[in-house]
Amino acid sequence: MTYQVLARKWRPKNFSEMVGQSHVVQALVNGLDQDRLHHAFLLTGTRGVGKTTLARIFAKCLNCESGVSSTPCGECGSCVDIDAGCFVDMLEIDAASRTKVDDTREMLENVQYAPTRGRFKVYIIDEVHMLSTASFNALLKTLEEPPPHVKFILATTDPQKIPVTVLSRCLRFNLTRLSAPEIQQYLLKLLETESIEAEDGALLEIARAADGSMRDGLSLLDQAIGFGGGKVITADVNDMLGSLAHDTVVNMLALLFAGDAPGLMTALDEQAGYSVDFNRLLQQFSESLHRIALIQQLPDYHDENRPGWDALKQLSSQVDADAVQLYYQIAIHGRRDLGLAPDPQSGAEMTFLRLLAFRPVEPGDANIPPAKKPTNPAAAKPYPGSTEPAAETRADAPRLNQAQVSEPKPEASIALAASASSVADTLDKPWNQLIDLLDLRGVNLELARNIQGISRAEGIWHFVIADELEYIASKQTTDALAAAISRLVGAKTGVKVKQQSEIGSQAREQKIEGLQTPAEAIARQATEKMSEAEKAIGDDPTVLSLQEEMGASVIAGSIKPLQ
């Protein structure tokens, strides 16, 4: 006897056997029981969630010999033929292979004729979004006002490509992706009926790999049964999927939390020898970090049925919550960038090296480098020309830093001293001149031009801005300014911008008398240059001669100073 794959053998034959999609099933059942049937339905959803299955069950409900109801008998000739796909009045059309308008017209030619055997003609058009524009136009009129004996069921994985004129003529049902527990429970029930031995961990891995598709889950189960010689074993499923065993993931997490770089890279090399799927590896790593974060933040969270639960719960007490969040971000970004790496293994290695190299730290951490303190003489004194006293110091906010910082070597001391001296000389310049050294554009440059420097202390640069221009000093622009200054001085720098009304009157008077904003300085220089140009034109002998002899005059606004 020819073997029938599980996806076909276990296709649901009535609404009660459907897994998930209760919102769609309820609407169709109520419509059948109350005799409120639309003439056109649109079923949307990803592959393998039950679109074609629902269409066939609906066709059986309409044409069952026992009458129209939501519970077809499944035994009459019509039900048996529909299950076998050979019912003469049910036409399944693959729009992906019949996209031309001639194919659509040929189909519609037979719409007007009464059913041969059943009560209704049911047209199931799969992947309907593949039809051409001309085919959709040919279908519109019939789709809106079909004969009473015709029902249309359209199925698609991409409803955005369907014209709105077609969408407006159909009842639309969105089928959702199935959850991993739903798929797992269905696979378990199937295997019990088939008398096949299976481990819960293996079924969970298959359900998660199915990614919301029951058909994919059944296909993977078929493959796992063949791979395991009639049994579904967790180790075999991991080998088949190219994923890691849970104890391996837990071991790698423990090595990461301990900062054991050699051990972690050795474990990664071992997995490479087993031809592991590195994308799947990073996915499992991210999933485990996600579960650790849930354990830390939700005291009542329990998931003992998941493999490795006890080990993850123990690991959650060995790492800070902010470190878990950082590790999670690095892992998912590494997975996203895996395709850009020279090869998947090197991409995974770089991701794990980033996981080892960075962690969040707090003030006072022993691993924070001395650069946290001012590294040059100018870092703790006011701006040149300012009489404003230094602002109060504050503790720096937590920031990312390398887990280990090495001390400079003795032979590099001369170069470091020269670099510090160069930074100090740079910072001794007025703010007007420092702006030219910053890589700023647009509104960020406008902020720099309209502020005045007051003081610098403990890595914080304090500025003041006119009250009417305070809208320029947004968080985005101040962060951009701080980043530019940090690049200039080679150290983490913060920026605080206050309005003139927020500082003391004495300090405001001193600042206004002694300093100008760069924008004010630019405007003053432009005015001075214009005055000099106008004076030069007015004193020019040639211009004076033309005015006296020919009555010429200088047109106002036509004079432009040379740059």
Protein backbone atom coordinates (compact mmCIF):
# COMPACT_ATOMS: atom_id res chain seq x y z
CA MET A 1 0.00 0.00 0.00
CA THR A 2 1.28 3.44 -0.93
CA TYR A 3 2.43 5.48 2.07
CA GLN A 4 0.42 8.64 2.71
CA VAL A 5 2.28 11.52 4.33
CA LEU A 6 1.02 12.69 7.71
CA ALA A 7 0.02 16.14 6.42
CA ARG A 8 -2.52 14.49 4.07
CA LYS A 9 -3.51 11.58 6.28
CA TRP A 10 -4.29 13.82 9.23
CA ARG A 11 -5.94 16.71 7.39
CA PRO A 12 -9.03 17.72 9.46
CA LYS A 13 -12.30 16.55 7.93
CA ASN A 14 -14.71 18.67 9.99
CA PHE A 15 -14.67 21.86 12.02
CA SER A 16 -14.28 20.05 15.35
CA GLU A 17 -10.90 18.64 14.24
CA MET A 18 -9.47 22.04 13.38
CA VAL A 19 -6.56 23.21 15.56
CA GLY A 20 -6.81 26.89 16.39
CA GLN A 21 -8.66 29.40 14.15
CA SER A 22 -11.66 29.35 16.50
CA HIS A 23 -12.69 32.85 15.42
CA VAL A 24 -13.04 31.71 11.80
CA VAL A 25 -14.67 28.38 12.65
CA GLN A 26 -17.27 30.06 14.86
CA ALA A 27 -18.27 32.52 12.13
CA LEU A 28 -18.61 29.79 9.50
CA VAL A 29 -20.54 27.46 11.85
CA ASN A 30 -23.00 30.20 12.80
CA GLY A 31 -23.50 31.13 9.16
CA LEU A 32 -24.24 27.54 8.20
CA ASP A 33 -26.57 26.86 11.13
CA GLN A 34 -28.50 30.11 10.64
CA ASP A 35 -28.56 29.88 6.83
CA ARG A 36 -26.77 33.23 6.48
CA LEU A 37 -24.26 32.35 3.78
CA HIS A 38 -22.25 34.88 1.83
CA HIS A 39 -21.40 34.13 -1.77
CA ALA A 40 -17.65 34.94 -1.55
CA PHE A 41 -15.10 34.31 1.20
CA LEU A 42 -11.46 35.37 1.45
CA LEU A 43 -9.17 33.32 3.71
CA THR A 44 -5.77 34.90 4.45
CA GLY A 45 -2.82 33.66 6.46
CA THR A 46 0.67 32.19 6.26
CA ARG A 47 1.35 28.78 4.76
CA GLY A 48 0.03 25.69 6.49
CA VAL A 49 -2.51 27.28 8.85
CA GLY A 50 -5.64 25.68 7.33
CA LYS A 51 -6.95 27.86 4.50
CA THR A 52 -7.55 25.06 1.97
CA THR A 53 -8.66 22.69 4.71
CA LEU A 54 -11.37 25.12 5.86
CA ALA A 55 -12.47 25.60 2.25
CA ARG A 56 -12.92 21.85 1.75
CA ILE A 57 -14.81 21.42 5.02
CA PHE A 58 -17.09 24.30 4.04
CA ALA A 59 -17.71 22.65 0.66
CA LYS A 60 -18.71 19.42 2.46
CA CYS A 61 -21.08 21.33 4.72
CA LEU A 62 -22.82 22.79 1.66
CA ASN A 63 -23.05 19.58 -0.36
CA CYS A 64 -23.44 16.83 2.24
CA GLU A 65 -26.31 14.53 1.22
CA SER A 66 -27.75 14.76 4.73
CA GLY A 67 -28.36 18.49 4.28
CA VAL A 68 -26.64 21.83 4.73
CA SER A 69 -25.20 22.00 8.25
CA SER A 70 -21.98 22.70 10.16
CA THR A 71 -21.55 18.96 10.86
CA PRO A 72 -21.27 16.98 7.59
CA CYS A 73 -21.63 13.25 7.89
CA GLY A 74 -18.30 12.47 6.22
CA GLU A 75 -19.64 9.16 4.92
CA CYS A 76 -21.90 9.99 1.99
CA GLY A 77 -20.64 10.02 -1.58
CA SER A 78 -20.30 13.80 -1.70
CA CYS A 79 -18.27 14.00 1.52
CA VAL A 80 -16.00 11.14 0.46
CA ASP A 81 -15.37 12.64 -2.97
CA ILE A 82 -14.66 16.09 -1.54
CA ASP A 83 -12.14 14.59 0.89
CA ALA A 84 -10.52 12.80 -2.05
CA GLY A 85 -10.52 16.01 -4.12
CA CYS A 86 -12.55 14.55 -6.99
CA PHE A 87 -16.01 16.06 -6.39
CA VAL A 88 -17.29 17.29 -9.75
CA ASP A 89 -18.92 20.44 -8.36
CA MET A 90 -15.86 21.54 -6.31
CA LEU A 91 -13.22 23.16 -8.50
CA GLU A 92 -9.80 23.83 -6.91
CA ILE A 93 -7.88 26.31 -9.04
CA ASP A 94 -4.21 27.18 -8.56
CA ALA A 95 -4.02 30.86 -9.46
CA ALA A 96 -0.22 30.71 -9.44
CA SER A 97 -0.25 28.49 -12.56
CA ARG A 98 -3.38 29.97 -14.17
CA THR A 99 -2.80 33.70 -14.05
CA LYS A 100 -3.92 34.64 -17.57
CA VAL A 101 -7.27 36.27 -18.27
CA ASP A 102 -8.16 33.47 -20.75
CA ASP A 103 -7.96 30.94 -17.90
CA THR A 104 -10.31 33.06 -15.80
CA ARG A 105 -12.79 33.47 -18.65
CA GLU A 106 -12.76 29.72 -19.26
CA MET A 107 -13.59 29.14 -15.60
CA LEU A 108 -16.41 31.68 -15.61
CA GLU A 109 -18.04 30.20 -18.71
CA ASN A 110 -19.33 27.30 -16.62
CA VAL A 111 -20.50 29.38 -13.66
CA GLN A 112 -23.98 29.86 -15.10
CA TYR A 113 -24.68 26.14 -15.33
CA ALA A 114 -26.35 24.32 -12.44
CA PRO A 115 -24.37 21.87 -10.30
CA THR A 116 -24.08 18.38 -11.71
CA ARG A 117 -24.32 16.48 -8.47
CA GLY A 118 -24.36 18.71 -5.39
CA ARG A 119 -26.39 21.72 -4.22
CA PHE A 120 -23.67 24.29 -4.88
CA LYS A 121 -20.74 24.78 -7.16
CA VAL A 122 -17.77 25.70 -4.99
CA TYR A 123 -14.81 27.48 -6.60
CA ILE A 124 -11.67 27.34 -4.42
CA ILE A 125 -9.03 29.69 -5.87
CA ASP A 126 -5.71 29.21 -4.08
CA GLU A 127 -3.00 31.94 -4.08
CA VAL A 128 -5.52 34.28 -5.66
CA HIS A 129 -3.12 37.24 -5.40
CA MET A 130 -1.16 35.74 -8.32
CA LEU A 131 -3.95 36.52 -10.81
CA SER A 132 -3.22 39.25 -13.34
CA THR A 133 -5.00 42.58 -13.30
CA ALA A 134 -7.05 41.58 -16.34
CA SER A 135 -8.08 38.34 -14.59
CA PHE A 136 -9.24 40.24 -11.52
CA ASN A 137 -11.27 42.59 -13.71
CA ALA A 138 -12.88 39.64 -15.49
CA LEU A 139 -13.77 38.09 -12.12
CA LEU A 140 -15.27 41.21 -10.53
CA LYS A 141 -18.82 41.15 -11.89
CA THR A 142 -19.31 37.42 -11.31
CA LEU A 143 -17.75 37.71 -7.85
CA GLU A 144 -20.20 40.44 -6.89
CA GLU A 145 -23.41 38.86 -8.28
CA PRO A 146 -22.86 35.14 -8.88
CA PRO A 147 -25.73 32.73 -9.57
CA PRO A 148 -27.39 31.44 -6.37
CA HIS A 149 -25.84 27.99 -6.80
CA VAL A 150 -22.21 29.27 -6.76
CA LYS A 151 -19.87 29.97 -3.83
CA PHE A 152 -16.37 31.42 -4.18
CA ILE A 153 -13.63 30.73 -1.59
CA LEU A 154 -10.43 32.66 -2.24
CA ALA A 155 -7.23 31.83 -0.35
CA THR A 156 -4.02 33.86 -0.23
CA THR A 157 -0.83 34.37 1.74
CA ASP A 158 -0.43 37.97 0.51
CA PRO A 159 -3.73 39.90 0.70
CA GLN A 160 -1.97 43.23 0.10
CA LYS A 161 -1.66 42.32 -3.58
CA ILE A 162 -5.40 41.81 -4.05
CA PRO A 163 -7.28 44.83 -5.52
CA VAL A 164 -9.59 46.61 -3.10
CA THR A 165 -12.44 46.09 -5.56
CA VAL A 166 -12.12 42.35 -4.94
CA LEU A 167 -11.63 42.72 -1.18
CA SER A 168 -14.84 44.73 -0.90
CA ARG A 169 -16.86 41.88 -2.47
CA CYS A 170 -15.69 39.19 -0.02
CA LEU A 171 -16.08 38.26 3.63
CA ARG A 172 -12.50 38.30 4.86
CA PHE A 173 -11.16 35.95 7.54
CA ASN A 174 -7.58 36.27 8.80
CA LEU A 175 -6.17 32.94 9.93
CA THR A 176 -3.55 33.30 12.67
CA ARG A 177 -0.28 31.45 13.13
CA LEU A 178 -0.55 28.48 15.45
CA SER A 179 1.32 28.56 18.74
CA ALA A 180 4.04 26.03 19.53
CA PRO A 181 1.99 24.39 22.34
CA GLU A 182 -0.98 23.94 19.97
CA ILE A 183 1.22 22.23 17.39
CA GLN A 184 2.95 20.14 20.06
CA GLN A 185 -0.32 18.87 21.52
CA TYR A 186 -1.65 17.93 18.09
CA LEU A 187 1.56 16.07 17.20
CA LEU A 188 1.41 14.20 20.52
CA LYS A 189 -2.18 13.14 19.88
CA LEU A 190 -1.27 12.02 16.35
CA LEU A 191 1.69 9.93 17.53
CA GLU A 192 -0.37 8.24 20.24
CA THR A 193 -2.84 7.17 17.59
CA GLU A 194 -0.03 6.00 15.29
CA SER A 195 1.65 4.16 18.23
CA ILE A 196 4.96 5.93 17.65
CA GLU A 197 7.30 6.59 20.57
CA ALA A 198 8.28 10.25 21.02
CA GLU A 199 9.96 12.49 23.59
CA ASP A 200 8.28 15.73 24.70
CA GLY A 201 11.44 17.73 24.10
CA ALA A 202 11.62 16.49 20.52
CA LEU A 203 8.01 17.45 19.81
CA LEU A 204 8.59 20.90 21.31
CA GLU A 205 11.61 21.45 19.05
CA ILE A 206 9.57 20.41 16.01
CA ALA A 207 6.68 22.66 17.02
CA ARG A 208 8.98 25.66 17.45
CA ALA A 209 10.73 24.95 14.13
CA ALA A 210 7.32 24.79 12.39
CA ASP A 211 7.03 28.55 12.98
CA GLY A 212 3.23 28.63 13.28
CA SER A 213 2.50 26.27 10.39
CA MET A 214 0.80 22.95 11.16
CA ARG A 215 1.69 21.55 7.75
CA ASP A 216 5.37 22.34 8.32
CA GLY A 217 5.13 20.69 11.72
CA LEU A 218 3.67 17.51 10.21
CA SER A 219 6.31 17.47 7.47
CA LEU A 220 9.09 17.84 10.05
CA LEU A 221 7.51 15.07 12.12
CA ASP A 222 7.50 12.80 9.07
CA GLN A 223 11.17 13.59 8.57
CA ALA A 224 11.98 13.00 12.27
CA ILE A 225 10.25 9.59 12.25
CA GLY A 226 12.33 8.55 9.27
CA PHE A 227 15.51 10.03 10.76
CA GLY A 228 14.99 8.23 14.07
CA GLY A 229 14.04 4.88 12.59
CA GLY A 230 10.43 4.99 13.76
CA LYS A 231 11.06 6.98 16.96
CA VAL A 232 11.12 10.71 17.64
CA ILE A 233 14.12 11.35 19.90
CA THR A 234 15.28 14.78 21.05
CA ALA A 235 18.93 14.24 20.11
CA ASP A 236 17.94 13.07 16.62
CA VAL A 237 15.62 16.06 16.14
CA ASN A 238 18.40 18.45 17.22
CA ASP A 239 20.75 16.86 14.70
CA MET A 240 18.09 17.01 12.00
CA LEU A 241 17.28 20.67 12.64
CA GLY A 242 20.89 21.71 13.26
CA SER A 243 19.99 23.04 16.71
CA LEU A 244 21.69 22.71 20.08
CA ALA A 245 20.68 20.53 22.98
CA HIS A 246 19.31 22.55 25.90
CA ASP A 247 22.13 21.52 28.22
CA THR A 248 24.61 22.83 25.63
CA VAL A 249 22.86 26.20 25.53
CA VAL A 250 22.83 26.35 29.33
CA ASN A 251 26.53 25.50 29.45
CA MET A 252 27.38 28.27 26.97
CA LEU A 253 25.31 30.76 28.97
CA ALA A 254 27.18 29.79 32.13
CA LEU A 255 30.51 30.32 30.35
CA LEU A 256 29.34 33.74 29.15
CA PHE A 257 28.18 34.86 32.60
CA ALA A 258 31.53 33.71 34.04
CA GLY A 259 33.46 35.64 31.36
CA ASP A 260 35.25 32.44 30.27
CA ALA A 261 36.29 33.43 26.74
CA PRO A 262 38.45 30.34 25.98
CA GLY A 263 35.76 27.97 27.22
CA LEU A 264 33.01 29.71 25.25
CA MET A 265 34.98 29.76 21.99
CA THR A 266 35.93 26.10 22.48
CA ALA A 267 32.25 25.20 22.93
CA LEU A 268 31.41 27.12 19.76
CA ASP A 269 34.13 25.27 17.80
CA GLU A 270 32.74 21.96 19.02
CA GLN A 271 29.27 22.86 17.73
CA ALA A 272 30.77 23.89 14.39
CA GLY A 273 32.18 20.37 14.13
CA TYR A 274 28.62 19.03 14.41
CA SER A 275 27.49 21.18 11.45
CA VAL A 276 25.21 23.24 13.67
CA ASP A 277 22.98 25.88 12.10
CA PHE A 278 24.48 29.12 13.47
CA ASN A 279 21.30 31.08 12.85
CA ARG A 280 19.42 28.50 14.92
CA LEU A 281 22.18 28.64 17.55
CA LEU A 282 21.78 32.41 18.02
CA GLN A 283 17.99 32.00 18.01
CA GLN A 284 18.15 29.46 20.85
CA PHE A 285 20.60 31.68 22.73
CA SER A 286 18.21 34.64 22.43
CA GLU A 287 15.24 32.51 23.50
CA SER A 288 17.09 31.37 26.64
CA LEU A 289 18.05 34.95 27.52
CA HIS A 290 14.41 35.92 27.06
CA ARG A 291 13.30 33.24 29.50
CA ILE A 292 15.96 34.33 32.03
CA ALA A 293 14.65 37.91 31.78
CA LEU A 294 11.10 36.66 32.45
CA ILE A 295 12.28 34.71 35.48
CA GLN A 296 14.04 37.79 36.87
CA GLN A 297 11.17 40.22 36.35
CA LEU A 298 8.18 37.98 37.07
CA PRO A 299 8.45 36.15 40.41
CA ASP A 300 5.33 34.08 39.66
CA TYR A 301 6.51 32.98 36.21
CA HIS A 302 6.62 29.18 35.89
CA ASP A 303 7.47 27.05 32.89
CA GLU A 304 8.63 23.74 34.31
CA ASN A 305 7.40 21.85 31.25
CA ARG A 306 10.06 23.51 29.10
CA PRO A 307 13.42 21.69 28.88
CA GLY A 308 16.22 23.27 30.91
CA TRP A 309 13.87 25.24 33.15
CA ASP A 310 15.65 24.49 36.44
CA ALA A 311 19.08 25.30 35.00
CA LEU A 312 17.91 28.62 33.57
CA LYS A 313 16.25 29.51 36.86
CA GLN A 314 19.55 28.90 38.64
CA LEU A 315 21.48 30.96 36.05
CA SER A 316 19.05 33.89 36.46
CA SER A 317 20.45 34.52 39.94
CA GLN A 318 24.02 34.76 38.62
CA VAL A 319 23.58 37.72 36.27
CA ASP A 320 22.14 41.23 36.56
CA ALA A 321 18.95 42.11 34.72
CA ASP A 322 20.58 44.94 32.75
CA ALA A 323 23.31 42.54 31.57
CA VAL A 324 20.65 40.12 30.29
CA GLN A 325 19.02 42.93 28.31
CA LEU A 326 22.36 43.90 26.75
CA TYR A 327 23.24 40.28 25.91
CA TYR A 328 19.81 39.81 24.31
CA GLN A 329 20.25 42.87 22.09
CA ILE A 330 23.72 41.78 21.00
CA ALA A 331 22.46 38.25 20.21
CA ILE A 332 19.49 39.32 18.09
CA HIS A 333 21.55 41.92 16.24
CA GLY A 334 24.23 39.31 15.62
CA ARG A 335 21.61 37.00 14.15
CA ARG A 336 20.34 39.79 11.92
CA ASP A 337 23.86 40.53 10.63
CA LEU A 338 24.80 36.86 10.14
CA GLY A 339 24.22 37.07 6.39
CA LEU A 340 26.65 39.98 6.11
CA ALA A 341 29.54 38.09 7.72
CA PRO A 342 32.21 36.38 5.58
CA ASP A 343 30.71 33.05 6.67
CA PRO A 344 28.13 32.01 9.31
CA GLN A 345 30.71 30.65 11.76
CA SER A 346 32.79 33.84 11.82
CA GLY A 347 29.60 35.88 12.22
CA ALA A 348 28.61 33.77 15.23
CA GLU A 349 32.12 34.03 16.68
CA MET A 350 32.08 37.83 16.43
CA THR A 351 28.69 37.90 18.14
CA PHE A 352 30.01 35.86 21.06
CA LEU A 353 33.14 38.02 21.23
CA ARG A 354 30.88 41.10 21.55
CA LEU A 355 28.94 39.31 24.27
CA LEU A 356 32.22 38.81 26.14
CA ALA A 357 33.62 42.28 25.49
CA PHE A 358 30.73 44.45 26.64
CA ARG A 359 28.58 44.66 29.71
CA PRO A 360 26.78 47.45 31.61
CA VAL A 361 28.74 48.86 34.57
CA GLU A 362 27.90 51.18 37.43
CA PRO A 363 29.95 54.02 38.97
CA GLY A 364 32.59 52.64 41.25
CA ASP A 365 33.04 49.41 39.31
CA ALA A 366 36.64 48.23 39.54
CA ASN A 367 36.81 47.67 35.81
CA ILE A 368 35.96 51.24 34.85
CA PRO A 369 39.10 52.76 33.30
CA PRO A 370 40.79 55.84 34.77
CA ALA A 371 39.53 57.80 31.75
CA LYS A 372 36.31 58.29 33.69
CA LYS A 373 38.17 61.07 35.55
CA PRO A 374 39.37 64.22 33.74
CA THR A 375 42.31 63.24 31.56
CA ASN A 376 43.60 66.73 30.72
CA PRO A 377 44.18 70.02 32.55
CA ALA A 378 41.42 71.81 30.65
CA ALA A 379 38.73 69.33 31.64
CA ALA A 380 38.03 70.96 35.02
CA LYS A 381 38.41 74.67 34.24
CA PRO A 382 35.94 77.16 32.71
CA TYR A 383 35.86 78.07 29.05
CA PRO A 384 38.37 80.77 27.98
CA GLY A 385 36.87 84.20 28.57
CA SER A 386 34.16 82.99 30.96
CA THR A 387 33.93 84.20 34.57
CA GLU A 388 31.23 81.68 35.46
CA PRO A 389 32.34 79.31 38.23
CA ALA A 390 32.48 75.61 37.47
CA ALA A 391 29.14 73.85 37.69
CA GLU A 392 28.46 71.33 40.41
CA THR A 393 29.75 67.88 39.75
CA ARG A 394 27.54 64.84 39.51
CA ALA A 395 27.96 61.08 39.22
CA ASP A 396 28.17 59.84 35.65
CA ALA A 397 25.25 57.72 34.48
CA PRO A 398 25.80 53.98 33.86
CA ARG A 399 27.43 53.38 30.50
CA LEU A 400 28.77 50.56 28.35
CA ASN A 401 32.40 49.79 28.87
CA GLN A 402 34.82 47.01 28.05
CA ALA A 403 34.81 44.23 30.60
CA GLN A 404 38.58 44.39 30.92
CA VAL A 405 40.78 47.45 30.41
CA SER A 406 44.52 47.06 30.15
CA GLU A 407 46.99 49.64 31.42
CA PRO A 408 49.09 51.50 28.81
CA LYS A 409 52.51 50.04 28.17
CA PRO A 410 55.61 52.04 29.33
CA GLU A 411 56.89 52.56 25.77
CA ALA A 412 53.61 54.24 24.85
CA SER A 413 53.78 56.84 27.64
CA ILE A 414 55.43 59.52 25.47
CA ALA A 415 52.76 59.17 22.77
CA LEU A 416 49.98 59.30 25.38
CA ALA A 417 51.47 62.40 26.95
CA ALA A 418 51.71 64.10 23.57
CA SER A 419 48.09 63.18 22.85
CA ALA A 420 46.91 64.57 26.19
CA SER A 421 48.85 67.78 25.58
CA SER A 422 47.25 68.12 22.13
CA VAL A 423 43.76 67.70 23.60
CA ALA A 424 44.53 70.25 26.30
CA ASP A 425 45.73 72.78 23.69
CA THR A 426 42.59 72.17 21.68
CA LEU A 427 40.28 72.69 24.65
CA ASP A 428 42.02 75.98 25.53
CA LYS A 429 40.52 77.46 22.36
CA PRO A 430 37.33 79.54 22.61
CA TRP A 431 34.04 77.79 21.86
CA ASN A 432 33.76 79.73 18.57
CA GLN A 433 36.91 77.97 17.32
CA LEU A 434 36.05 74.55 18.77
CA ILE A 435 32.88 74.40 16.65
CA ASP A 436 34.98 74.18 13.50
CA LEU A 437 36.58 70.99 14.87
CA LEU A 438 33.23 69.25 15.48
CA ASP A 439 31.56 67.20 12.78
CA LEU A 440 28.09 68.75 12.99
CA ARG A 441 25.40 69.37 10.39
CA GLY A 442 21.92 70.86 10.19
CA VAL A 443 20.04 71.57 13.40
CA ASN A 444 22.88 70.11 15.48
CA LEU A 445 25.20 72.78 14.08
CA GLU A 446 22.58 75.47 14.77
CA LEU A 447 22.51 74.44 18.42
CA ALA A 448 26.31 74.69 18.66
CA ARG A 449 26.24 78.16 17.07
CA ASN A 450 23.60 79.55 19.43
CA ILE A 451 24.98 78.47 22.79
CA GLN A 452 27.66 79.95 25.02
CA GLY A 453 30.07 77.86 27.07
CA ILE A 454 29.98 78.41 30.83
CA SER A 455 32.15 75.68 32.34
CA ARG A 456 33.41 72.11 32.19
CA ALA A 457 33.61 69.77 35.16
CA GLU A 458 33.70 66.00 35.68
CA GLY A 459 33.10 65.24 32.02
CA ILE A 460 30.03 67.54 31.77
CA TRP A 461 30.11 70.62 29.50
CA HIS A 462 27.67 73.33 30.58
CA PHE A 463 26.18 75.82 28.12
CA VAL A 464 23.52 78.53 28.12
CA ILE A 465 21.07 79.44 25.35
CA ALA A 466 18.68 82.35 24.84
CA ASP A 467 15.14 81.66 26.09
CA GLU A 468 13.60 82.23 22.66
CA LEU A 469 15.88 79.55 21.14
CA GLU A 470 15.38 76.85 23.79
CA TYR A 471 13.41 74.71 21.33
CA ILE A 472 16.68 73.96 19.50
CA ALA A 473 18.14 72.30 22.60
CA SER A 474 16.17 69.06 22.32
CA LYS A 475 17.43 65.74 23.66
CA GLN A 476 18.34 64.65 20.15
CA THR A 477 20.47 67.71 19.39
CA THR A 478 22.17 67.78 22.80
CA ASP A 479 23.01 64.07 22.49
CA ALA A 480 24.48 64.70 19.04
CA LEU A 481 26.55 67.58 20.42
CA ALA A 482 27.79 65.42 23.31
CA ALA A 483 28.78 62.66 20.87
CA ALA A 484 30.71 65.12 18.71
CA ILE A 485 32.57 66.53 21.72
CA SER A 486 33.32 63.00 22.94
CA ARG A 487 34.92 62.19 19.59
CA LEU A 488 36.99 65.37 19.77
CA VAL A 489 38.36 64.85 23.29
CA GLY A 490 38.52 61.06 23.15
CA ALA A 491 36.48 60.55 26.31
CA LYS A 492 32.81 60.16 27.27
CA THR A 493 31.35 63.65 27.59
CA GLY A 494 27.94 64.91 28.68
CA VAL A 495 26.24 68.17 27.70
CA LYS A 496 23.84 70.33 29.70
CA VAL A 497 22.13 73.36 28.14
CA LYS A 498 20.27 75.87 30.33
CA GLN A 499 18.19 78.91 29.42
CA GLN A 500 19.38 82.37 30.32
CA SER A 501 16.45 82.76 32.70
CA GLU A 502 17.60 79.68 34.64
CA ILE A 503 21.02 81.03 35.59
CA GLY A 504 21.73 83.72 38.17
CA SER A 505 21.46 87.40 37.23
CA GLN A 506 25.09 88.13 38.11
CA ALA A 507 26.36 85.19 36.12
CA ARG A 508 24.07 86.23 33.25
CA GLU A 509 25.46 89.77 33.23
CA GLN A 510 29.04 88.51 33.35
CA LYS A 511 28.37 86.06 30.53
CA ILE A 512 26.64 88.62 28.32
CA GLU A 513 29.45 91.13 28.76
CA GLY A 514 32.30 88.72 28.18
CA LEU A 515 31.04 86.27 25.57
CA GLN A 516 29.04 86.00 22.38
CA THR A 517 27.46 82.99 20.84
CA PRO A 518 29.13 81.81 17.63
CA ALA A 519 26.02 82.87 15.71
CA GLU A 520 26.26 86.37 17.22
CA ALA A 521 29.96 86.49 16.39
CA ILE A 522 29.27 85.45 12.80
CA ALA A 523 26.53 88.09 12.49
CA ARG A 524 28.84 90.77 13.97
CA GLN A 525 31.65 89.85 11.60
CA ALA A 526 29.25 89.96 8.65
CA THR A 527 28.04 93.41 9.70
CA GLU A 528 31.61 94.66 10.06
CA LYS A 529 32.57 93.30 6.66
CA MET A 530 29.51 94.93 5.08
CA SER A 531 30.37 98.28 6.70
CA GLU A 532 33.93 98.02 5.45
CA ALA A 533 32.74 97.16 1.93
CA GLU A 534 30.26 100.06 1.85
CA LYS A 535 32.96 102.44 3.12
CA ALA A 536 35.43 101.15 0.51
CA ILE A 537 32.90 101.72 -2.30
CA GLY A 538 31.98 105.14 -0.96
CA ASP A 539 35.64 106.23 -0.82
CA ASP A 540 36.64 104.75 -4.18
CA PRO A 541 37.89 107.52 -6.55
CA THR A 542 36.28 105.94 -9.61
CA VAL A 543 32.89 105.73 -7.91
CA LEU A 544 33.20 109.35 -6.72
CA SER A 545 34.10 110.49 -10.23
CA LEU A 546 31.10 108.73 -11.77
CA GLN A 547 28.79 110.27 -9.19
CA GLU A 548 30.09 113.81 -9.83
CA GLU A 549 30.38 113.72 -13.63
CA MET A 550 27.50 111.46 -14.63
CA GLY A 551 25.10 111.65 -11.69
CA ALA A 552 25.48 107.94 -10.90
CA SER A 553 24.34 106.47 -7.60
CA VAL A 554 25.05 103.29 -5.69
CA ILE A 555 22.04 100.93 -5.59
CA ALA A 556 21.18 100.03 -2.01
CA GLY A 557 21.78 96.36 -1.20
CA SER A 558 23.93 95.73 -4.27
CA ILE A 559 27.21 95.77 -2.37
CA LYS A 560 28.55 92.37 -1.31
CA PRO A 561 31.72 92.02 0.76
CA LEU A 562 34.46 89.77 -0.60
CA GLN A 563 34.73 86.41 1.21
